[in-house]
Amino acid sequence: MTSRERVLKAVNHQAPDRVPVDLGGLKASTIAAVAYDKLKCKLGITTPTRVIDARFMIAALEDEVLRRLHVDVVPLDLSCVLPMSRPAKEWIPRQLFDGTNVLFPPDTRIGEDAAGNWLLLNADGSPTSFQMPKGGHYFDDVSFNQGDRIDPKKFRPISDVKDEHLELMRDYGRSLYRNTDYAILGWGFGVCFLGLSLITDRSSNVTQALTDEWMMMLMTEKDTCHEMMDRSVEASIKCLKLVHEAVGDCCFGWGVAADDSGTQRGEFIRPDLWAEMLKPHYKRLCDWIHTNTRWKVFLHSCGSIYNLIPHFIDAGIDILNPVQTSAANMDPARLKREFGERLVFWGGGCDTQSVLGKATPEEIRQHVKERLQVFSPGGGYVFNQIHNIQANVPPENILAMFDAAHEFGAYS
């Protein structure tokens, strides 16, 4: 069975030959560039490590590594296609704080302040809101809840896609579809209604980085919020219509939102408020996709979200990631039992908070085996660790996790 066939069966709640495996299908299911570079050294792979997104410091994954880890999914994301379409000579070499040598995407500009912290810069040399503390691993966005009040008139979500960008996505998607057997997951031009994720383009984020105020507006200025979310969905549909015309059904699914809704201990928005305010807009977007494409609708939402999952399903979400089982009320067996027939779980395969970076390879192997015994029956499951593999995870642990997923994921 090919990777594409395997994933299609799984997302249609059928049992393939083995559980499909994801690493890097989206920017929240991938691996830190530092950990990736160490993994390549372990495997004897000497190619330069590329950082595909400087904000998250995540790696551009290579086919040799994907094959070794038994991965079945690759992304079709304009923000990744653009740098990967540029010549290798344009990528920018830089040594990270820990001594790892990487290549940054063309046009990446990094400055340094007096304390040695790194700053991502705009094209004119002015600092953006992204800063990496000296010795750190990521660029933090320091703009949240800073600045003036939300101005609905300033919310202008992207509602068009450049022709040259559509051509790039079309050509890249066709190449992946014709020349590989990977399943292709599309991303981009979605919505963000709670504002805590950076995967969705900031200009399409209704909160304008003022999440605290937006949460109050959801209770006190409901008509305004509905109007803004209406515009967000309308803009998203216009873009997705163009993208679908370009890439068609080479993608099995599309990520419409990275909209974190939970903390470690519970939902940070009341489920009834989510249902009242956000659900109608999600449903409109999901309905359009289901009516006009063959895509499955993919949602990334972190944390303890058990009480929101029924509303996600009602709204039309087909696939949920990252399935943060370390959070409250997110017991794997309970999730599978209550929602497994209506929702594809994409993740939850290895706890990155307390297991992947701290346990022994054998402990990880047993942990993965137990998770597969819970999630895999009947299909409707794609293996992925919970969110990104962090920079401090040893390569031996990474190999143990993916080898266990391959070994214990067999349905026969």
Protein backbone atom coordinates (compact mmCIF):
# COMPACT_ATOMS: atom_id res chain seq x y z
CA MET A 1 0.00 0.00 0.00
CA THR A 2 1.39 3.45 -0.90
CA SER A 3 1.60 6.28 1.61
CA ARG A 4 -1.17 8.12 -0.21
CA GLU A 5 -3.48 5.12 -0.15
CA ARG A 6 -2.65 4.49 3.50
CA VAL A 7 -3.54 8.01 4.61
CA LEU A 8 -6.73 8.12 2.54
CA LYS A 9 -7.97 4.95 4.19
CA ALA A 10 -7.13 6.25 7.66
CA VAL A 11 -8.88 9.60 7.23
CA ASN A 12 -11.93 7.77 5.90
CA HIS A 13 -12.07 5.66 9.07
CA GLN A 14 -10.86 2.51 7.42
CA ALA A 15 -7.98 0.29 8.50
CA PRO A 16 -5.00 0.42 6.12
CA ASP A 17 -2.04 -1.96 6.23
CA ARG A 18 -0.48 0.09 9.03
CA VAL A 19 -1.06 3.34 10.87
CA PRO A 20 0.12 6.27 8.72
CA VAL A 21 2.95 8.36 10.14
CA ASP A 22 3.38 12.13 9.99
CA LEU A 23 6.39 14.33 10.59
CA GLY A 24 6.21 17.81 9.11
CA GLY A 25 2.78 17.66 7.50
CA LEU A 26 2.21 21.01 9.17
CA LYS A 27 4.38 23.44 11.10
CA ALA A 28 3.07 22.08 14.40
CA SER A 29 3.86 18.43 13.67
CA THR A 30 7.51 18.72 12.76
CA ILE A 31 10.97 18.96 14.34
CA ALA A 32 13.28 21.70 15.60
CA ALA A 33 16.23 22.35 13.29
CA VAL A 34 18.73 21.60 16.07
CA ALA A 35 17.21 18.17 16.80
CA TYR A 36 16.93 17.47 13.09
CA ASP A 37 20.59 18.27 12.49
CA LYS A 38 21.64 15.89 15.28
CA LEU A 39 19.35 13.20 13.87
CA LYS A 40 20.96 13.56 10.43
CA CYS A 41 24.41 13.24 11.98
CA LYS A 42 23.27 10.05 13.70
CA LEU A 43 22.06 8.72 10.35
CA GLY A 44 25.23 9.75 8.51
CA ILE A 45 23.46 12.38 6.39
CA THR A 46 25.74 15.35 5.72
CA THR A 47 23.53 17.76 3.77
CA PRO A 48 23.14 21.28 5.19
CA THR A 49 20.15 21.69 7.51
CA ARG A 50 17.66 24.31 6.37
CA VAL A 51 15.37 26.28 8.65
CA ILE A 52 12.06 26.46 6.78
CA ASP A 53 10.47 28.99 9.16
CA ALA A 54 12.73 31.24 11.22
CA ARG A 55 10.02 32.11 13.73
CA PHE A 56 9.59 28.51 14.83
CA MET A 57 13.16 27.39 14.02
CA ILE A 58 11.84 24.22 12.39
CA ALA A 59 13.63 22.18 9.75
CA ALA A 60 12.94 21.64 6.08
CA LEU A 61 12.69 17.85 5.94
CA GLU A 62 14.49 15.80 3.32
CA ASP A 63 13.21 12.71 1.55
CA GLU A 64 16.03 10.50 2.87
CA VAL A 65 14.99 11.26 6.44
CA LEU A 66 11.27 10.89 5.74
CA ARG A 67 11.85 7.47 4.22
CA ARG A 68 14.00 6.34 7.14
CA LEU A 69 11.28 7.40 9.62
CA HIS A 70 8.48 5.75 7.58
CA VAL A 71 6.70 9.09 7.07
CA ASP A 72 3.62 9.16 4.81
CA VAL A 73 2.70 12.87 4.64
CA VAL A 74 4.23 16.02 3.15
CA PRO A 75 2.89 19.60 3.26
CA LEU A 76 1.72 21.92 0.52
CA ASP A 77 2.07 25.27 2.25
CA LEU A 78 2.81 28.46 0.30
CA SER A 79 4.99 29.79 3.14
CA CYS A 80 7.22 26.72 2.66
CA VAL A 81 6.95 26.48 -1.12
CA LEU A 82 8.22 30.05 -1.58
CA PRO A 83 11.64 29.58 0.10
CA MET A 84 12.08 26.04 -1.24
CA SER A 85 11.64 27.37 -4.78
CA ARG A 86 14.68 29.62 -4.37
CA PRO A 87 18.18 28.48 -5.44
CA ALA A 88 20.40 26.87 -2.79
CA LYS A 89 23.01 29.62 -3.21
CA GLU A 90 20.53 32.22 -1.91
CA TRP A 91 20.03 30.52 1.46
CA ILE A 92 21.78 32.30 4.31
CA PRO A 93 24.30 30.43 6.51
CA ARG A 94 24.34 31.15 10.23
CA GLN A 95 25.53 29.45 13.38
CA LEU A 96 22.95 29.05 16.14
CA PHE A 97 23.67 29.71 19.80
CA ASP A 98 24.47 26.05 20.47
CA GLY A 99 26.93 25.87 17.58
CA THR A 100 24.62 24.20 15.03
CA ASN A 101 25.21 25.46 11.50
CA VAL A 102 22.04 25.99 9.47
CA LEU A 103 20.77 27.77 6.40
CA PHE A 104 18.01 30.36 6.73
CA PRO A 105 15.54 31.13 3.93
CA PRO A 106 16.52 33.83 1.44
CA ASP A 107 15.65 37.36 2.57
CA THR A 108 15.77 36.39 6.26
CA ARG A 109 17.25 39.28 8.20
CA ILE A 110 18.48 38.77 11.76
CA GLY A 111 19.82 41.57 13.92
CA GLU A 112 21.30 41.53 17.40
CA ASP A 113 20.76 43.89 20.31
CA ALA A 114 23.30 45.01 22.92
CA ALA A 115 22.50 42.02 25.14
CA GLY A 116 23.13 39.51 22.33
CA ASN A 117 19.46 38.70 21.72
CA TRP A 118 18.46 38.05 18.11
CA LEU A 119 15.80 40.12 16.37
CA LEU A 120 13.97 39.27 13.17
CA LEU A 121 14.06 42.35 10.95
CA ASN A 122 11.80 43.76 8.27
CA ALA A 123 13.11 44.39 4.76
CA ASP A 124 13.97 47.99 5.71
CA GLY A 125 16.02 46.83 8.70
CA SER A 126 13.47 47.76 11.35
CA PRO A 127 12.76 45.15 14.05
CA THR A 128 9.69 42.95 13.88
CA SER A 129 7.98 41.73 17.05
CA PHE A 130 9.92 38.44 16.96
CA GLN A 131 12.86 38.11 19.38
CA MET A 132 15.08 35.21 20.41
CA PRO A 133 16.78 35.59 23.80
CA LYS A 134 20.50 34.91 23.84
CA GLY A 135 20.99 31.15 24.13
CA GLY A 136 17.37 30.49 23.17
CA HIS A 137 15.84 28.18 20.58
CA TYR A 138 12.91 30.20 19.18
CA PHE A 139 11.81 33.67 18.17
CA ASP A 140 9.08 34.74 20.58
CA ASP A 141 6.36 37.12 19.42
CA VAL A 142 6.35 39.89 22.03
CA SER A 143 3.44 41.79 20.46
CA PHE A 144 0.59 39.90 22.14
CA ASN A 145 -1.71 42.20 24.13
CA GLN A 146 0.47 45.20 23.32
CA GLY A 147 -0.78 48.35 21.63
CA ASP A 148 -4.10 50.06 20.94
CA ARG A 149 -7.61 48.65 21.08
CA ILE A 150 -8.96 46.38 18.36
CA ASP A 151 -10.16 48.43 15.42
CA PRO A 152 -12.58 46.44 13.24
CA LYS A 153 -11.93 48.82 10.32
CA LYS A 154 -8.24 47.83 10.33
CA PHE A 155 -9.05 44.15 9.94
CA ARG A 156 -8.37 43.41 6.28
CA PRO A 157 -7.91 39.67 5.82
CA ILE A 158 -6.13 38.46 2.70
CA SER A 159 -8.79 37.73 0.07
CA ASP A 160 -6.68 37.13 -3.03
CA VAL A 161 -3.67 35.04 -4.05
CA LYS A 162 -1.07 36.25 -6.50
CA ASP A 163 -1.04 34.46 -9.83
CA GLU A 164 2.65 33.60 -9.47
CA HIS A 165 1.98 32.08 -6.06
CA LEU A 166 -0.87 29.99 -7.42
CA GLU A 167 1.42 28.78 -10.21
CA LEU A 168 4.10 27.83 -7.69
CA MET A 169 1.61 25.88 -5.59
CA ARG A 170 0.15 24.20 -8.68
CA ASP A 171 3.56 23.15 -10.01
CA TYR A 172 4.89 22.07 -6.61
CA GLY A 173 1.71 20.13 -5.79
CA ARG A 174 1.66 18.39 -9.17
CA SER A 175 5.33 17.45 -8.82
CA LEU A 176 4.71 15.91 -5.40
CA TYR A 177 1.64 14.07 -6.64
CA ARG A 178 3.22 12.70 -9.82
CA ASN A 179 6.74 11.97 -8.58
CA THR A 180 6.11 10.69 -5.04
CA ASP A 181 3.51 8.53 -3.35
CA TYR A 182 3.22 10.77 -0.29
CA ALA A 183 -0.16 12.00 0.90
CA ILE A 184 -0.26 15.79 0.56
CA LEU A 185 -1.73 18.03 3.25
CA GLY A 186 -2.53 21.61 2.25
CA TRP A 187 -2.16 24.60 4.55
CA GLY A 188 -2.80 28.32 4.41
CA PHE A 189 -5.46 30.98 3.82
CA GLY A 190 -7.47 29.84 6.84
CA VAL A 191 -8.88 31.60 9.87
CA CYS A 192 -7.83 32.32 13.44
CA PHE A 193 -10.61 33.27 15.84
CA LEU A 194 -8.81 33.12 19.19
CA GLY A 195 -5.44 34.49 18.18
CA LEU A 196 -2.93 32.34 20.03
CA SER A 197 -1.39 30.60 17.01
CA LEU A 198 1.19 31.91 14.59
CA ILE A 199 0.64 29.29 11.87
CA THR A 200 -2.22 31.30 10.37
CA ASP A 201 -1.11 34.54 8.72
CA ARG A 202 -1.29 37.40 11.23
CA SER A 203 -3.16 39.69 8.85
CA SER A 204 -6.00 37.16 8.83
CA ASN A 205 -6.22 37.09 12.62
CA VAL A 206 -9.31 38.89 13.92
CA THR A 207 -7.71 39.54 17.33
CA GLN A 208 -5.02 41.86 15.92
CA ALA A 209 -2.70 40.34 18.58
CA LEU A 210 -4.97 41.71 21.34
CA THR A 211 -6.33 38.38 22.51
CA ASP A 212 -7.40 39.58 25.97
CA GLU A 213 -9.57 42.33 24.50
CA TRP A 214 -10.99 40.00 21.84
CA MET A 215 -12.08 37.51 24.50
CA MET A 216 -14.00 40.29 26.24
CA MET A 217 -15.49 41.46 22.95
CA LEU A 218 -16.87 37.96 22.35
CA MET A 219 -19.09 38.58 25.38
CA THR A 220 -19.75 42.32 25.15
CA GLU A 221 -19.59 43.25 21.43
CA LYS A 222 -21.02 40.17 19.79
CA ASP A 223 -22.35 41.81 16.63
CA THR A 224 -18.94 43.34 15.91
CA CYS A 225 -17.20 40.01 16.44
CA HIS A 226 -19.63 38.19 14.17
CA GLU A 227 -19.14 40.81 11.47
CA MET A 228 -15.35 40.49 11.65
CA MET A 229 -15.45 36.68 11.60
CA ASP A 230 -17.89 36.82 8.66
CA ARG A 231 -15.33 38.86 6.74
CA SER A 232 -12.58 36.46 7.75
CA VAL A 233 -14.46 33.44 6.42
CA GLU A 234 -15.48 35.26 3.24
CA ALA A 235 -11.84 36.14 2.56
CA SER A 236 -10.71 32.59 3.31
CA ILE A 237 -13.27 31.10 0.92
CA LYS A 238 -12.16 33.46 -1.87
CA CYS A 239 -8.55 32.36 -1.42
CA LEU A 240 -9.34 28.67 -1.06
CA LYS A 241 -11.44 28.77 -4.24
CA LEU A 242 -8.40 30.03 -6.16
CA VAL A 243 -6.09 27.54 -4.48
CA HIS A 244 -8.42 24.63 -5.21
CA GLU A 245 -8.58 25.64 -8.85
CA ALA A 246 -4.77 25.53 -8.87
CA VAL A 247 -3.99 22.36 -6.91
CA GLY A 248 -7.28 20.46 -7.14
CA ASP A 249 -7.51 17.13 -5.41
CA CYS A 250 -3.80 16.41 -5.19
CA CYS A 251 -4.31 17.27 -1.51
CA PHE A 252 -6.39 14.91 0.62
CA GLY A 253 -7.10 17.60 3.19
CA TRP A 254 -6.63 21.25 4.05
CA GLY A 255 -5.70 22.92 7.31
CA VAL A 256 -8.23 25.69 7.86
CA ALA A 257 -7.09 26.88 11.27
CA ALA A 258 -4.45 26.72 13.94
CA ASP A 259 -6.68 28.02 16.70
CA ASP A 260 -5.46 26.97 20.14
CA SER A 261 -8.41 26.77 22.53
CA GLY A 262 -7.12 25.06 25.65
CA THR A 263 -4.67 25.44 28.49
CA GLN A 264 -3.02 22.61 30.37
CA ARG A 265 -6.00 22.43 32.74
CA GLY A 266 -9.04 23.22 30.63
CA GLU A 267 -10.60 25.24 27.84
CA PHE A 268 -9.84 28.95 28.09
CA ILE A 269 -13.14 29.77 26.40
CA ARG A 270 -16.47 28.48 27.67
CA PRO A 271 -17.78 25.76 25.35
CA ASP A 272 -21.18 27.45 25.14
CA LEU A 273 -19.52 30.72 24.13
CA TRP A 274 -17.43 28.92 21.50
CA ALA A 275 -20.60 27.32 20.15
CA GLU A 276 -22.47 30.62 20.07
CA MET A 277 -19.77 32.83 18.59
CA LEU A 278 -17.21 30.75 16.69
CA LYS A 279 -19.08 27.64 15.62
CA PRO A 280 -21.33 29.26 12.96
CA HIS A 281 -18.26 30.69 11.18
CA TYR A 282 -16.32 27.45 11.29
CA LYS A 283 -19.39 25.65 9.96
CA ARG A 284 -19.72 28.02 7.05
CA LEU A 285 -16.08 27.48 6.08
CA CYS A 286 -16.26 23.69 6.54
CA ASP A 287 -19.52 23.50 4.57
CA TRP A 288 -17.94 25.34 1.64
CA ILE A 289 -14.95 22.98 1.59
CA HIS A 290 -17.11 19.86 1.84
CA THR A 291 -19.46 21.10 -0.89
CA ASN A 292 -16.84 22.32 -3.35
CA THR A 293 -13.83 20.06 -2.81
CA ARG A 294 -12.91 16.53 -1.79
CA TRP A 295 -10.67 17.81 1.00
CA LYS A 296 -10.93 16.74 4.61
CA VAL A 297 -10.98 19.69 7.01
CA PHE A 298 -8.01 19.77 9.39
CA LEU A 299 -7.89 21.76 12.67
CA HIS A 300 -4.91 22.30 14.95
CA SER A 301 -5.94 23.17 18.51
CA CYS A 302 -3.70 22.60 21.53
CA GLY A 303 -4.43 21.94 25.17
CA SER A 304 -7.36 20.61 27.15
CA ILE A 305 -10.25 20.86 24.67
CA TYR A 306 -12.39 17.83 25.52
CA ASN A 307 -15.58 19.88 25.99
CA LEU A 308 -15.08 21.64 22.64
CA ILE A 309 -14.62 18.50 20.55
CA PRO A 310 -18.37 17.87 20.06
CA HIS A 311 -18.70 21.41 18.70
CA PHE A 312 -15.70 20.91 16.40
CA ILE A 313 -17.42 17.82 14.98
CA ASP A 314 -20.76 19.61 14.57
CA ALA A 315 -19.00 22.45 12.75
CA GLY A 316 -17.57 20.01 10.20
CA ILE A 317 -14.00 19.42 11.39
CA ASP A 318 -12.77 16.04 10.11
CA ILE A 319 -9.25 15.86 11.58
CA LEU A 320 -7.94 17.10 14.94
CA ASN A 321 -4.30 17.73 15.88
CA PRO A 322 -2.18 17.58 18.11
CA VAL A 323 -4.36 15.59 20.59
CA GLN A 324 -2.54 16.85 23.68
CA THR A 325 -3.10 13.85 25.95
CA SER A 326 -0.94 15.36 28.70
CA ALA A 327 -3.61 18.02 29.33
CA ALA A 328 -6.60 17.62 31.63
CA ASN A 329 -9.58 15.57 30.38
CA MET A 330 -7.63 14.35 27.32
CA ASP A 331 -7.37 10.67 28.23
CA PRO A 332 -6.60 8.78 24.98
CA ALA A 333 -9.00 5.87 25.58
CA ARG A 334 -11.85 8.23 26.43
CA LEU A 335 -11.22 10.36 23.33
CA LYS A 336 -11.13 7.33 21.05
CA ARG A 337 -14.21 5.78 22.64
CA GLU A 338 -16.37 8.89 22.51
CA PHE A 339 -15.23 10.57 19.30
CA GLY A 340 -13.20 8.05 17.30
CA GLU A 341 -16.00 7.18 14.87
CA ARG A 342 -16.62 10.83 13.94
CA LEU A 343 -13.20 12.43 14.17
CA VAL A 344 -9.74 11.50 12.91
CA PHE A 345 -7.11 11.89 15.61
CA TRP A 346 -3.82 13.14 14.17
CA GLY A 347 -1.26 13.09 16.96
CA GLY A 348 -1.24 11.96 20.56
CA GLY A 349 1.23 9.22 19.67
CA CYS A 350 4.01 10.27 22.03
CA ASP A 351 3.94 12.73 24.93
CA THR A 352 6.53 15.42 24.14
CA GLN A 353 6.18 17.08 27.54
CA SER A 354 7.19 14.22 29.81
CA VAL A 355 8.28 11.27 27.66
CA LEU A 356 10.00 11.98 24.35
CA GLY A 357 12.79 14.19 25.70
CA LYS A 358 13.23 12.47 29.07
CA ALA A 359 12.55 8.73 28.80
CA THR A 360 14.85 5.98 27.54
CA PRO A 361 14.42 4.61 24.01
CA GLU A 362 12.86 1.43 25.42
CA GLU A 363 10.41 3.41 27.55
CA ILE A 364 9.46 5.43 24.48
CA ARG A 365 8.98 2.24 22.52
CA GLN A 366 6.51 0.89 25.09
CA HIS A 367 4.76 4.27 25.37
CA VAL A 368 4.19 4.39 21.61
CA LYS A 369 2.97 0.79 21.61
CA GLU A 370 0.36 1.61 24.26
CA ARG A 371 -0.85 4.69 22.37
CA LEU A 372 -1.24 2.72 19.15
CA GLN A 373 -3.25 0.05 20.94
CA VAL A 374 -5.67 2.79 21.97
CA PHE A 375 -5.88 4.98 18.87
CA SER A 376 -5.41 2.61 15.93
CA PRO A 377 -8.40 0.21 16.04
CA GLY A 378 -10.79 0.79 13.17
CA GLY A 379 -8.67 3.39 11.42
CA GLY A 380 -9.29 7.10 11.87
CA TYR A 381 -5.79 7.66 13.22
CA VAL A 382 -2.51 9.14 11.96
CA PHE A 383 0.55 8.81 14.19
CA ASN A 384 2.40 11.95 15.20
CA GLN A 385 4.05 13.08 18.39
CA ILE A 386 2.21 15.81 20.30
CA HIS A 387 3.33 19.02 18.60
CA ASN A 388 6.92 19.61 17.47
CA ILE A 389 9.98 17.59 18.47
CA GLN A 390 11.97 19.99 20.61
CA ALA A 391 15.62 20.94 20.18
CA ASN A 392 16.83 18.94 23.20
CA VAL A 393 15.41 15.54 22.14
CA PRO A 394 18.22 12.99 21.53
CA PRO A 395 18.27 11.33 18.09
CA GLU A 396 18.08 7.90 19.73
CA ASN A 397 14.70 8.83 21.19
CA ILE A 398 13.42 10.10 17.85
CA LEU A 399 14.41 6.89 16.11
CA ALA A 400 12.88 4.80 18.88
CA MET A 401 9.56 6.63 18.52
CA PHE A 402 9.24 6.31 14.74
CA ASP A 403 10.53 2.76 14.61
CA ALA A 404 7.99 1.77 17.27
CA ALA A 405 5.20 3.50 15.32
CA HIS A 406 6.16 1.51 12.24
CA GLU A 407 6.52 -1.79 14.09
CA PHE A 408 3.43 -1.64 16.28
CA GLY A 409 1.23 0.23 13.78
CA ALA A 410 0.58 -2.83 11.61
CA TYR A 411 -3.10 -3.78 11.40
CA SER A 412 -2.48 -7.39 10.41
